[in-house]
Protein backbone atom coordinates (compact mmCIF):
# COMPACT_ATOMS: atom_id res chain seq x y z
CA UNK A 1 82.50 102.92 58.79
CA UNK A 2 85.39 104.95 60.13
CA UNK A 3 86.72 101.94 62.04
CA UNK A 4 86.66 99.88 58.87
CA UNK A 5 88.71 102.50 56.98
CA UNK A 6 91.25 102.76 59.80
CA UNK A 7 91.45 98.97 60.02
CA UNK A 8 92.06 98.65 56.25
CA UNK A 9 94.63 101.49 56.27
CA UNK A 10 96.57 99.63 58.99
CA UNK A 11 95.91 96.03 57.93
CA UNK A 12 96.83 96.21 54.24
CA UNK A 13 100.35 97.63 54.77
CA UNK A 14 100.87 95.27 57.73
CA UNK A 15 99.84 92.32 55.55
CA UNK A 16 102.13 93.47 52.73
CA UNK A 17 105.04 93.89 55.14
CA UNK A 18 104.31 90.45 56.59
CA UNK A 19 104.45 88.81 53.15
CA UNK A 20 107.72 90.56 52.31
CA UNK A 21 109.27 89.44 55.61
CA UNK A 22 108.01 85.88 55.04
CA UNK A 23 109.46 85.83 51.50
CA UNK A 24 112.81 87.16 52.76
CA UNK A 25 112.94 84.66 55.64
CA UNK A 26 112.02 81.72 53.36
CA UNK A 27 114.71 82.77 50.85
CA UNK A 28 117.29 82.91 53.64
CA UNK A 29 116.36 79.40 54.85
CA UNK A 30 116.58 77.97 51.30
CA UNK A 31 120.01 79.55 50.82
CA UNK A 32 121.28 78.00 54.07
CA UNK A 33 119.96 74.60 53.01
CA UNK A 34 121.69 74.91 49.64
CA UNK A 35 125.03 75.68 51.34
CA UNK A 36 124.69 72.87 53.89
CA UNK A 37 126.33 69.56 52.90
CA UNK A 38 123.95 66.74 52.13
CA UNK A 39 123.52 64.32 55.03
CA UNK A 40 125.13 60.91 54.57
CA UNK A 41 123.39 57.88 56.04
CA UNK A 42 125.18 55.09 57.91
CA UNK A 43 124.29 52.64 55.17
CA UNK A 44 125.82 54.87 52.48
CA UNK A 45 129.02 55.26 54.55
CA UNK A 46 129.17 51.49 55.03
CA UNK A 47 128.66 50.86 51.33
CA UNK A 48 131.38 53.35 50.43
CA UNK A 49 133.87 51.70 52.79
CA UNK A 50 132.95 48.25 51.46
CA UNK A 51 133.50 49.40 47.88
CA UNK A 52 136.78 51.03 48.88
CA UNK A 53 137.96 47.85 50.60
CA UNK A 54 136.92 45.77 47.59
CA UNK A 55 138.83 48.12 45.25
CA UNK A 56 141.98 47.79 47.39
CA UNK A 57 141.69 43.99 47.33
CA UNK A 58 141.24 44.02 43.57
CA UNK A 59 144.30 46.28 43.17
CA UNK A 60 146.37 43.81 45.21
CA UNK A 61 144.96 40.78 43.40
CA UNK A 62 147.36 38.80 41.26
CA UNK A 63 146.07 36.37 38.69
CA UNK A 64 147.41 32.81 38.75
CA UNK A 65 149.27 33.48 35.49
CA UNK A 66 150.96 36.50 37.04
CA UNK A 67 151.89 34.49 40.14
CA UNK A 68 153.37 31.74 37.97
CA UNK A 69 155.37 34.30 35.99
CA UNK A 70 156.77 35.80 39.21
CA UNK A 71 157.71 32.34 40.49
CA UNK A 72 159.44 31.59 37.22
CA UNK A 73 161.43 34.83 37.40
CA UNK A 74 162.41 34.10 41.00
CA UNK A 75 163.58 30.60 40.02
CA UNK A 76 165.60 32.00 37.13
CA UNK A 77 167.28 34.50 39.44
CA UNK A 78 168.12 31.72 41.90
CA UNK A 79 169.61 29.63 39.11
CA UNK A 80 171.67 32.57 37.87
CA UNK A 81 172.99 33.20 41.39
CA UNK A 82 173.92 29.52 41.77
CA UNK A 83 175.72 29.59 38.44
CA UNK A 84 177.67 32.70 39.42
CA UNK A 85 178.91 31.07 42.61
C-alpha cells in the first residue's frame, strides 16, 4: 500500500506537468502555423500568371471602332500637314 501512495504522489503531479507542457507546446505550434504564409501550389501560381497575362492583353485591346477612329484621326492629320505645305 505504501508503494501505491508513493506512486500516486509522484505520478499525479508528473501527469499534470506533462499535460501543461503538452498544452504549451501545442499552442506554440499553432501560433507558428498561423504566422507562416499559406503555401501556394504550382497550379495556383500558373492560374494567377494566366489571369495577369489575360488582363494585360485586355488592357491593350482596342476595339475595331477605336482602331477606325485612330485611323481617321491619323488621316486627318496627314491631310492637314499636306494642306499646310
